[in-house]
């Protein structure tokens, strides 16, 4: 597994087209960080790609960041690993924000199940 450090997160490359993202504790994700994240994925991953967002840490988003999450056409599927009901509700709210996205997003409470779903989405 290849690990990369961004200014706000760790990205683990699990396959050419699947990565796991773990945002650092206490971060407020800004639009600049979303751009850094998108740029990294476009340069380092095979297209289209799938992402496992591991929400083991607590963090927030600015409104602009929320609107631009997951907007790359290269996203195939996104699995969100949520560890509690509050994280599920917050993630459902993020998913419901109006934006132009072409990928499927699902929430899981088991990492292996989420990864299997991403693999099956290929």
C-alpha atoms as a PDB file:
ATOM      1  CA  UNK A   1       0.000   0.000   0.000  1.00  0.00           C
ATOM      2  CA  UNK A   2       1.305   3.397  -1.031  1.00  0.00           C
ATOM      3  CA  UNK A   3       0.567   6.276   1.368  1.00  0.00           C
ATOM      4  CA  UNK A   4       0.606   9.965   0.435  1.00  0.00           C
ATOM      5  CA  UNK A   5       0.279  12.940   2.748  1.00  0.00           C
ATOM      6  CA  UNK A   6      -1.716  15.987   1.711  1.00  0.00           C
ATOM      7  CA  UNK A   7      -1.895  19.163   3.792  1.00  0.00           C
ATOM      8  CA  UNK A   8      -5.028  17.867   5.545  1.00  0.00           C
ATOM      9  CA  UNK A   9      -5.245  14.095   4.973  1.00  0.00           C
ATOM     10  CA  UNK A  10      -3.579  10.772   4.282  1.00  0.00           C
ATOM     11  CA  UNK A  11      -4.385   8.944   1.054  1.00  0.00           C
ATOM     12  CA  UNK A  12      -3.686   5.223   0.837  1.00  0.00           C
ATOM     13  CA  UNK A  13      -3.537   3.868  -2.711  1.00  0.00           C
ATOM     14  CA  UNK A  14      -5.201   0.445  -2.449  1.00  0.00           C
ATOM     15  CA  UNK A  15      -5.265  -0.306  -6.208  1.00  0.00           C
ATOM     16  CA  UNK A  16      -4.570   1.649  -9.402  1.00  0.00           C
ATOM     17  CA  UNK A  17      -8.119   2.988  -9.294  1.00  0.00           C
ATOM     18  CA  UNK A  18      -9.096   2.748  -5.582  1.00  0.00           C
ATOM     19  CA  UNK A  19      -7.853   4.960  -2.749  1.00  0.00           C
ATOM     20  CA  UNK A  20      -8.717   5.384   0.918  1.00  0.00           C
ATOM     21  CA  UNK A  21      -8.844   8.923   2.306  1.00  0.00           C
ATOM     22  CA  UNK A  22      -8.434   9.688   6.023  1.00  0.00           C
ATOM     23  CA  UNK A  23      -8.810  13.376   6.896  1.00  0.00           C
ATOM     24  CA  UNK A  24      -6.783  14.598   9.878  1.00  0.00           C
ATOM     25  CA  UNK A  25      -8.576  15.200  13.178  1.00  0.00           C
ATOM     26  CA  UNK A  26     -10.082  18.668  13.715  1.00  0.00           C
ATOM     27  CA  UNK A  27      -9.536  19.973  10.177  1.00  0.00           C
ATOM     28  CA  UNK A  28     -11.941  22.360   8.451  1.00  0.00           C
ATOM     29  CA  UNK A  29     -11.803  21.356   4.797  1.00  0.00           C
ATOM     30  CA  UNK A  30     -11.684  24.388   2.505  1.00  0.00           C
ATOM     31  CA  UNK A  31     -12.173  24.762  -1.231  1.00  0.00           C
ATOM     32  CA  UNK A  32      -8.371  24.988  -1.577  1.00  0.00           C
ATOM     33  CA  UNK A  33      -8.047  21.592   0.131  1.00  0.00           C
ATOM     34  CA  UNK A  34     -10.713  20.085  -2.143  1.00  0.00           C
ATOM     35  CA  UNK A  35      -8.695  21.343  -5.133  1.00  0.00           C
ATOM     36  CA  UNK A  36      -5.499  19.832  -3.682  1.00  0.00           C
ATOM     37  CA  UNK A  37      -7.344  16.520  -3.208  1.00  0.00           C
ATOM     38  CA  UNK A  38      -8.819  16.538  -6.712  1.00  0.00           C
ATOM     39  CA  UNK A  39      -5.449  17.449  -8.281  1.00  0.00           C
ATOM     40  CA  UNK A  40      -3.778  14.572  -6.429  1.00  0.00           C
ATOM     41  CA  UNK A  41      -6.402  12.051  -7.576  1.00  0.00           C
ATOM     42  CA  UNK A  42      -6.203  13.192 -11.196  1.00  0.00           C
ATOM     43  CA  UNK A  43      -2.402  12.889 -11.229  1.00  0.00           C
ATOM     44  CA  UNK A  44      -1.937   9.694  -9.214  1.00  0.00           C
ATOM     45  CA  UNK A  45      -4.939   7.470  -9.964  1.00  0.00           C
ATOM     46  CA  UNK A  46      -6.096   5.548 -13.025  1.00  0.00           C
ATOM     47  CA  UNK A  47      -9.320   7.015 -14.413  1.00  0.00           C
ATOM     48  CA  UNK A  48     -12.114   6.496 -13.526  1.00  0.00           C
ATOM     49  CA  UNK A  49     -11.382   5.941  -9.831  1.00  0.00           C
ATOM     50  CA  UNK A  50     -13.222   4.989  -6.667  1.00  0.00           C
ATOM     51  CA  UNK A  51     -12.676   6.324  -3.161  1.00  0.00           C
ATOM     52  CA  UNK A  52     -13.193   4.965   0.332  1.00  0.00           C
ATOM     53  CA  UNK A  53     -13.622   7.902   2.719  1.00  0.00           C
ATOM     54  CA  UNK A  54     -12.726   6.649   6.177  1.00  0.00           C
ATOM     55  CA  UNK A  55     -14.412   9.028   8.633  1.00  0.00           C
ATOM     56  CA  UNK A  56     -12.557   7.807  11.708  1.00  0.00           C
ATOM     57  CA  UNK A  57     -11.636  11.399  12.602  1.00  0.00           C
ATOM     58  CA  UNK A  58     -13.876  14.386  13.274  1.00  0.00           C
ATOM     59  CA  UNK A  59     -13.693  17.306  10.818  1.00  0.00           C
ATOM     60  CA  UNK A  60     -15.871  19.904   9.110  1.00  0.00           C
ATOM     61  CA  UNK A  61     -16.225  21.549   5.689  1.00  0.00           C
ATOM     62  CA  UNK A  62     -16.698  25.132   4.546  1.00  0.00           C
ATOM     63  CA  UNK A  63     -19.824  25.648   2.449  1.00  0.00           C
ATOM     64  CA  UNK A  64     -17.810  26.068  -0.776  1.00  0.00           C
ATOM     65  CA  UNK A  65     -15.909  22.854  -0.040  1.00  0.00           C
ATOM     66  CA  UNK A  66     -19.191  20.983   0.499  1.00  0.00           C
ATOM     67  CA  UNK A  67     -20.499  22.148  -2.888  1.00  0.00           C
ATOM     68  CA  UNK A  68     -17.359  21.002  -4.740  1.00  0.00           C
ATOM     69  CA  UNK A  69     -16.812  17.607  -3.113  1.00  0.00           C
ATOM     70  CA  UNK A  70     -17.132  14.661  -5.446  1.00  0.00           C
ATOM     71  CA  UNK A  71     -17.645  16.800  -8.559  1.00  0.00           C
ATOM     72  CA  UNK A  72     -14.894  15.307 -10.712  1.00  0.00           C
ATOM     73  CA  UNK A  73     -16.312  13.341 -13.647  1.00  0.00           C
ATOM     74  CA  UNK A  74     -13.518  10.805 -13.026  1.00  0.00           C
ATOM     75  CA  UNK A  75     -15.184   9.587  -9.810  1.00  0.00           C
ATOM     76  CA  UNK A  76     -16.737   6.151 -10.402  1.00  0.00           C
ATOM     77  CA  UNK A  77     -17.984   5.379  -6.891  1.00  0.00           C
ATOM     78  CA  UNK A  78     -17.509   6.652  -3.350  1.00  0.00           C
ATOM     79  CA  UNK A  79     -17.891   4.527  -0.233  1.00  0.00           C
ATOM     80  CA  UNK A  80     -18.080   6.403   3.055  1.00  0.00           C
ATOM     81  CA  UNK A  81     -17.105   4.493   6.175  1.00  0.00           C
ATOM     82  CA  UNK A  82     -19.175   5.953   9.040  1.00  0.00           C
ATOM     83  CA  UNK A  83     -18.643   4.770  12.600  1.00  0.00           C
ATOM     84  CA  UNK A  84     -21.707   6.289  14.301  1.00  0.00           C
ATOM     85  CA  UNK A  85     -25.195   7.648  13.645  1.00  0.00           C
ATOM     86  CA  UNK A  86     -24.054  11.289  13.719  1.00  0.00           C
ATOM     87  CA  UNK A  87     -21.482  10.638  11.000  1.00  0.00           C
ATOM     88  CA  UNK A  88     -24.144   8.881   8.911  1.00  0.00           C
ATOM     89  CA  UNK A  89     -26.496  11.880   9.250  1.00  0.00           C
ATOM     90  CA  UNK A  90     -23.775  14.399   8.398  1.00  0.00           C
ATOM     91  CA  UNK A  91     -22.763  12.343   5.366  1.00  0.00           C
ATOM     92  CA  UNK A  92     -26.386  12.055   4.204  1.00  0.00           C
ATOM     93  CA  UNK A  93     -26.584  15.845   4.420  1.00  0.00           C
ATOM     94  CA  UNK A  94     -23.433  16.220   2.318  1.00  0.00           C
ATOM     95  CA  UNK A  95     -24.796  13.808  -0.271  1.00  0.00           C
ATOM     96  CA  UNK A  96     -28.060  15.771  -0.512  1.00  0.00           C
ATOM     97  CA  UNK A  97     -26.362  19.078  -1.412  1.00  0.00           C
ATOM     98  CA  UNK A  98     -27.165  20.076  -4.981  1.00  0.00           C
ATOM     99  CA  UNK A  99     -24.142  19.595  -7.207  1.00  0.00           C
ATOM    100  CA  UNK A 100     -23.355  18.010 -10.532  1.00  0.00           C
ATOM    101  CA  UNK A 101     -22.044  14.546  -9.665  1.00  0.00           C
ATOM    102  CA  UNK A 102     -22.015  11.462 -11.818  1.00  0.00           C
ATOM    103  CA  UNK A 103     -20.918   8.828  -9.319  1.00  0.00           C
ATOM    104  CA  UNK A 104     -22.710   6.630  -6.827  1.00  0.00           C
ATOM    105  CA  UNK A 105     -22.139   7.321  -3.121  1.00  0.00           C
ATOM    106  CA  UNK A 106     -22.977   4.783  -0.411  1.00  0.00           C
ATOM    107  CA  UNK A 107     -22.461   4.742   3.340  1.00  0.00           C
ATOM    108  CA  UNK A 108     -21.063   1.672   5.120  1.00  0.00           C
ATOM    109  CA  UNK A 109     -20.236   0.791   8.718  1.00  0.00           C
ATOM    110  CA  UNK A 110     -17.741  -1.957   7.828  1.00  0.00           C
ATOM    111  CA  UNK A 111     -14.556  -1.203   5.867  1.00  0.00           C
ATOM    112  CA  UNK A 112     -14.406  -4.609   4.154  1.00  0.00           C
ATOM    113  CA  UNK A 113     -17.999  -4.304   2.921  1.00  0.00           C
ATOM    114  CA  UNK A 114     -17.342  -0.815   1.539  1.00  0.00           C
ATOM    115  CA  UNK A 115     -14.162  -1.937  -0.221  1.00  0.00           C
ATOM    116  CA  UNK A 116     -15.931  -4.942  -1.718  1.00  0.00           C
ATOM    117  CA  UNK A 117     -18.695  -2.675  -3.039  1.00  0.00           C
ATOM    118  CA  UNK A 118     -16.084  -0.402  -4.649  1.00  0.00           C
ATOM    119  CA  UNK A 119     -14.407  -3.414  -6.264  1.00  0.00           C
ATOM    120  CA  UNK A 120     -17.744  -4.664  -7.555  1.00  0.00           C
ATOM    121  CA  UNK A 121     -18.530  -1.235  -9.046  1.00  0.00           C
ATOM    122  CA  UNK A 122     -15.630  -1.605 -11.530  1.00  0.00           C
END
